[in-house]
Protein backbone atom coordinates (compact mmCIF):
# COMPACT_ATOMS: atom_id res chain seq x y z
CA MET A 1 19.69 18.64 9.04
CA GLY A 2 21.80 21.33 8.25
CA GLN A 3 20.76 20.77 3.84
CA ALA A 4 18.74 23.73 3.27
CA MET A 5 15.53 22.78 2.25
CA ASN A 6 13.90 26.03 0.37
CA ILE A 7 14.70 26.20 -2.75
CA THR A 8 14.44 29.37 -4.52
CA ASP A 9 17.03 29.24 -7.71
CA SER A 10 18.56 26.56 -9.91
CA SER A 11 21.99 27.16 -8.29
CA PHE A 12 21.34 25.17 -5.22
CA LYS A 13 23.52 22.42 -4.05
CA ILE A 14 22.52 19.27 -2.43
CA ALA A 15 24.96 17.23 0.40
CA ALA A 16 24.14 13.96 -0.08
CA PRO A 17 23.56 11.54 2.10
CA LEU A 18 20.20 13.85 3.64
CA SER A 19 19.71 12.50 7.01
CA LEU A 20 15.92 11.92 7.54
CA PRO A 21 14.99 10.53 11.17
CA GLU A 22 12.82 8.15 11.75
CA ASP A 23 10.81 10.50 14.24
CA GLU A 24 11.34 13.08 11.66
CA VAL A 25 8.95 14.68 8.59
CA GLN A 26 10.63 16.51 7.21
CA LEU A 27 9.11 19.68 4.46
CA TRP A 28 10.89 20.67 1.64
CA ARG A 29 9.16 23.89 -0.82
CA VAL A 30 10.73 24.94 -4.27
CA ASP A 31 9.54 28.08 -6.21
CA LEU A 32 9.22 26.68 -9.49
CA GLU A 33 8.36 30.14 -10.56
CA ALA A 34 12.22 31.03 -9.71
CA ILE A 35 13.49 27.54 -11.27
CA ARG A 36 10.60 26.32 -14.10
CA ALA A 37 13.46 28.54 -17.16
CA ASP A 38 16.14 25.50 -16.54
CA GLU A 39 13.34 23.77 -18.24
CA SER A 40 15.26 21.38 -20.63
CA ARG A 41 18.19 20.61 -17.80
CA TRP A 42 14.66 18.94 -15.53
CA GLN A 43 13.82 17.38 -18.60
CA GLU A 44 16.67 15.43 -18.76
CA LEU A 45 16.29 14.13 -15.36
CA LEU A 46 12.40 13.01 -16.30
CA SER A 47 11.15 9.05 -17.03
CA ALA A 48 9.97 8.84 -21.23
CA ASP A 49 6.50 8.80 -19.71
CA GLU A 50 7.01 11.82 -17.30
CA VAL A 51 8.12 13.40 -20.21
CA THR A 52 4.75 12.42 -22.13
CA ARG A 53 2.46 13.77 -19.98
CA ALA A 54 4.66 16.60 -19.43
CA SER A 55 4.29 17.00 -23.52
CA ARG A 56 0.18 17.17 -22.85
CA PHE A 57 0.01 20.17 -21.20
CA HIS A 58 -1.48 23.25 -23.25
CA PHE A 59 0.53 25.95 -21.09
CA PRO A 60 4.03 26.47 -21.37
CA ILE A 61 4.36 27.82 -18.18
CA ASP A 62 1.94 24.61 -16.82
CA ARG A 63 4.40 21.85 -18.46
CA GLN A 64 7.55 23.23 -17.09
CA HIS A 65 6.11 23.57 -13.39
CA PHE A 66 5.10 20.21 -13.47
CA VAL A 67 8.86 19.52 -15.72
CA ALA A 68 10.79 21.32 -12.68
CA SER A 69 8.09 19.88 -9.47
CA ARG A 70 9.00 16.03 -10.53
CA ALA A 71 12.87 16.47 -11.54
CA LEU A 72 12.28 18.34 -7.89
CA LEU A 73 11.73 15.64 -6.23
CA ARG A 74 13.75 13.26 -8.12
CA THR A 75 16.58 15.11 -6.80
CA ILE A 76 16.27 15.77 -3.30
CA LEU A 77 15.14 11.91 -3.53
CA ALA A 78 17.77 11.34 -5.19
CA GLY A 79 20.13 12.36 -1.78
CA TYR A 80 18.10 10.76 0.43
CA LEU A 81 18.75 7.30 -0.69
CA CYS A 82 22.53 8.58 -2.37
CA ALA A 83 21.13 7.44 -6.38
CA GLN A 84 20.49 9.28 -9.66
CA ALA A 85 17.81 11.15 -9.79
CA ASN A 86 17.23 9.84 -13.27
CA HIS A 87 17.46 6.30 -11.96
CA LEU A 88 14.63 6.29 -10.15
CA THR A 89 11.58 4.61 -10.67
CA PHE A 90 7.68 4.83 -8.81
CA SER A 91 5.05 2.42 -8.17
CA TYR A 92 1.17 4.15 -7.89
CA SER A 93 -1.50 2.34 -6.02
CA ALA A 94 -4.47 1.80 -7.57
CA LYS A 95 -5.24 5.48 -6.75
CA GLN A 96 -2.81 6.69 -7.98
CA LYS A 97 -0.55 7.30 -5.33
CA PRO A 98 3.05 7.41 -5.84
CA SER A 99 5.50 5.44 -4.16
CA LEU A 100 9.65 4.55 -4.86
CA GLY A 101 9.60 1.65 -7.08
CA PRO A 102 12.74 -0.84 -7.54
CA PRO A 103 15.71 -0.98 -6.55
CA HIS A 104 14.41 1.03 -3.76
CA ALA A 105 10.97 0.55 -2.80
CA THR A 106 12.39 -1.00 0.22
CA SER A 107 14.21 1.48 1.66
CA GLY A 108 11.24 2.60 3.50
CA ILE A 109 11.37 5.96 2.18
CA THR A 110 7.68 8.09 2.17
CA PHE A 111 6.71 11.23 0.38
CA ASN A 112 4.47 13.28 -0.69
CA LEU A 113 4.21 16.50 -3.08
CA SER A 114 1.59 18.88 -3.64
CA HIS A 115 2.07 22.56 -5.94
CA SER A 116 0.00 25.18 -6.33
CA GLY A 117 0.60 28.29 -8.17
CA GLY A 118 4.23 29.32 -8.46
CA ILE A 119 5.41 26.87 -5.24
CA ALA A 120 5.60 22.94 -4.41
CA LEU A 121 5.81 21.04 -0.95
CA TYR A 122 7.31 17.72 -1.18
CA ALA A 123 7.27 15.89 2.42
CA PHE A 124 9.35 12.72 3.37
CA SER A 125 9.21 10.07 5.89
CA HIS A 126 10.59 6.83 6.88
CA ARG A 127 7.77 3.83 6.93
CA ARG A 128 4.87 6.85 7.24
CA ASP A 129 1.84 7.62 4.29
CA LEU A 130 2.51 10.92 3.78
CA GLY A 131 -0.37 13.59 2.90
CA VAL A 132 0.34 17.74 2.02
CA ASP A 133 -1.54 19.78 0.26
CA VAL A 134 -0.88 23.66 -0.62
CA GLU A 135 -3.70 26.20 -2.35
CA HIS A 136 -2.60 29.35 -3.71
CA VAL A 137 -5.22 31.94 -1.54
CA ARG A 138 -7.77 33.75 -3.50
CA ALA A 139 -11.24 35.36 -2.97
CA SER A 140 -12.82 35.44 -6.07
CA PHE A 141 -15.15 32.33 -6.02
CA ASP A 142 -18.13 31.36 -4.55
CA VAL A 143 -17.25 29.65 -0.97
CA GLU A 144 -20.41 29.40 1.17
CA ALA A 145 -21.65 26.92 -2.38
CA ILE A 146 -18.58 24.75 -2.54
CA ALA A 147 -18.70 24.40 0.71
CA ARG A 148 -22.16 23.09 0.96
CA ARG A 149 -20.86 21.02 -1.88
CA PHE A 150 -18.32 19.62 -0.36
CA PHE A 151 -17.41 20.11 3.94
CA SER A 152 -19.38 18.12 5.96
CA ALA A 153 -22.09 19.57 7.80
CA HIS A 154 -19.81 20.31 10.95
CA GLU A 155 -17.22 21.92 8.78
CA GLN A 156 -19.63 24.09 7.13
CA GLN A 157 -21.57 25.73 9.96
CA GLN A 158 -18.16 26.05 11.47
CA LEU A 159 -17.47 28.49 8.59
CA PHE A 160 -21.05 30.35 8.18
CA ASP A 161 -20.81 30.79 11.57
CA LEU A 162 -17.50 33.52 10.65
CA PRO A 163 -17.39 36.89 9.55
CA PRO A 164 -17.19 37.49 5.71
CA ALA A 165 -14.39 38.41 5.33
CA GLU A 166 -12.93 35.56 7.45
CA ARG A 167 -14.29 32.38 5.84
CA ALA A 168 -12.05 32.84 1.93
CA ASP A 169 -8.79 31.78 4.44
CA ALA A 170 -10.70 29.39 6.46
CA PHE A 171 -12.08 28.03 3.14
CA PHE A 172 -8.37 26.80 1.90
CA ARG A 173 -7.47 25.80 6.06
CA CYS A 174 -10.42 23.56 5.40
CA TRP A 175 -9.81 22.46 1.81
CA THR A 176 -6.05 21.63 2.61
CA ARG A 177 -6.57 19.86 5.68
CA LYS A 178 -8.77 17.50 4.24
CA GLU A 179 -6.94 17.05 0.87
CA ALA A 180 -3.96 16.25 2.93
CA TYR A 181 -5.84 12.83 4.85
CA VAL A 182 -7.43 11.75 1.96
CA LYS A 183 -3.71 12.07 -0.10
CA ALA A 184 -2.51 9.97 3.53
CA THR A 185 -5.12 7.38 3.00
CA GLY A 186 -4.29 6.75 -0.29
CA ASP A 187 -8.29 6.54 -0.64
CA GLY A 188 -8.10 9.34 -3.29
CA LEU A 189 -11.17 10.18 -4.26
CA SER A 190 -13.26 6.90 -2.65
CA LEU A 191 -13.37 8.40 0.48
CA PRO A 192 -16.42 11.05 0.79
CA LEU A 193 -15.18 14.44 1.89
CA SER A 194 -18.44 13.99 4.38
CA GLN A 195 -16.68 11.19 5.92
CA PHE A 196 -14.99 13.21 7.92
CA ASP A 197 -13.95 16.43 9.86
CA VAL A 198 -11.77 18.59 9.96
CA SER A 199 -11.35 22.31 12.41
CA LEU A 200 -10.93 25.52 10.64
CA GLU A 201 -9.47 26.70 13.59
CA PRO A 202 -5.69 28.22 12.59
CA GLY A 203 -2.79 26.16 14.30
CA SER A 204 -5.19 23.26 15.65
CA ALA A 205 -2.66 21.21 17.40
CA ASN A 206 -4.44 18.34 15.61
CA ALA A 207 -7.19 19.38 12.94
CA LEU A 208 -8.66 15.95 12.91
CA VAL A 209 -11.55 15.62 14.51
CA ALA A 210 -13.90 12.93 13.82
CA THR A 211 -13.55 10.42 11.14
CA ARG A 212 -16.95 7.88 10.24
CA PRO A 213 -17.97 4.97 10.50
CA ASP A 214 -14.96 4.13 12.37
CA ALA A 215 -14.37 6.69 15.32
CA SER A 216 -10.86 5.25 16.13
CA GLU A 217 -9.48 5.96 12.36
CA ALA A 218 -8.95 9.45 13.91
CA GLN A 219 -6.03 8.18 16.48
CA HIS A 220 -3.58 6.88 14.02
CA TRP A 221 -2.83 10.52 12.44
CA LEU A 222 -1.94 13.73 13.17
CA LEU A 223 -3.16 16.58 11.07
CA ARG A 224 -1.37 20.41 10.46
CA ASP A 225 -1.14 23.43 9.29
CA VAL A 226 2.25 24.01 7.73
CA SER A 227 4.14 27.19 6.37
CA ALA A 228 4.17 27.53 2.97
CA GLY A 229 4.69 30.88 2.60
CA SER A 230 3.27 34.28 1.86
CA GLY A 231 -0.38 34.43 0.17
CA TYR A 232 -0.57 30.47 0.68
CA ILE A 233 -2.05 27.93 3.18
CA ALA A 234 -0.91 24.15 3.30
CA ALA A 235 -1.79 21.09 5.70
CA LEU A 236 0.51 18.03 6.28
CA CYS A 237 -1.41 14.70 7.62
CA ALA A 238 0.93 11.74 8.37
CA GLY A 239 1.21 8.35 10.00
CA GLY A 240 1.17 8.34 14.15
CA GLN A 241 1.28 11.02 16.65
CA ASP A 242 4.90 10.15 17.67
CA TRP A 243 6.60 12.58 15.06
CA LYS A 244 7.86 15.16 14.46
CA LEU A 245 8.54 18.07 11.83
CA ASN A 246 11.48 19.19 10.52
CA ALA A 247 10.55 22.29 7.74
CA TRP A 248 11.99 24.36 5.14
CA CYS A 249 11.41 27.66 7.64
CA GLY A 250 13.52 26.27 10.68
CA ASP A 251 12.04 22.91 12.95
CA GLN A 252 8.36 23.22 14.21
CA HIS A 253 8.04 20.36 15.93
CA LEU A 254 5.19 18.47 17.33
CA PRO A 255 2.48 20.41 19.23
CA THR A 256 0.99 18.85 22.29
CA VAL A 257 -1.72 16.55 21.27
CA SER A 258 -4.30 15.25 24.08
CA PRO A 259 -5.55 11.99 24.31
CA ARG A 260 -8.83 11.49 22.01
CA PRO A 261 -11.95 10.12 24.44
């Protein structure tokens, strides 16, 4: 794709139509902090429902990040669809996973987004379930207590085997990988976080280690780290293992995945 997928200021241009090959997952990065000041411009792209949701934020910076993230989702989708950003509609599953609404519901384009701190990541593909999660890395919290509450026994063991100085990064690798998988499945909080295991190793070819009670479910997904920039950790999960990643920081092709027993 010739289009730059790292948006760092409000003067960006998207040249429609954007290409989205069937075998790719494309990952965009947006610097929300750099574009949030143009709030009035972004508000014009939102639906009445999105404007109402934005008005509920107590702090202006949170409202501006939300408005910018939704406007950029619409803008990028409009580039793929050759449509007007403010005319797009969305549908939501029973677990509140978003998808394109009419008249583009049959386009086959799937997407997912996540934002943390001052950035947002957006994943797009054709007819693949997607989940992406990004977190701003910080160490000012009780890593061990949260891990004991939300991580599986296998994940806790991996974490506690590490030197204390390495646990914060490992915690966020685990957290983003678990969130990306949960978002991809569309099950939301109804999927217990202890019901599947992810690897905490950096750079795992496929970080989804085990699923329960159906062990074969893990074969239907590819879960991997993606770059989000300095100070952030992120993960992407997509259905199938036959896709390659085209990311904002350059092509990151699918690593070799060993067949599962």
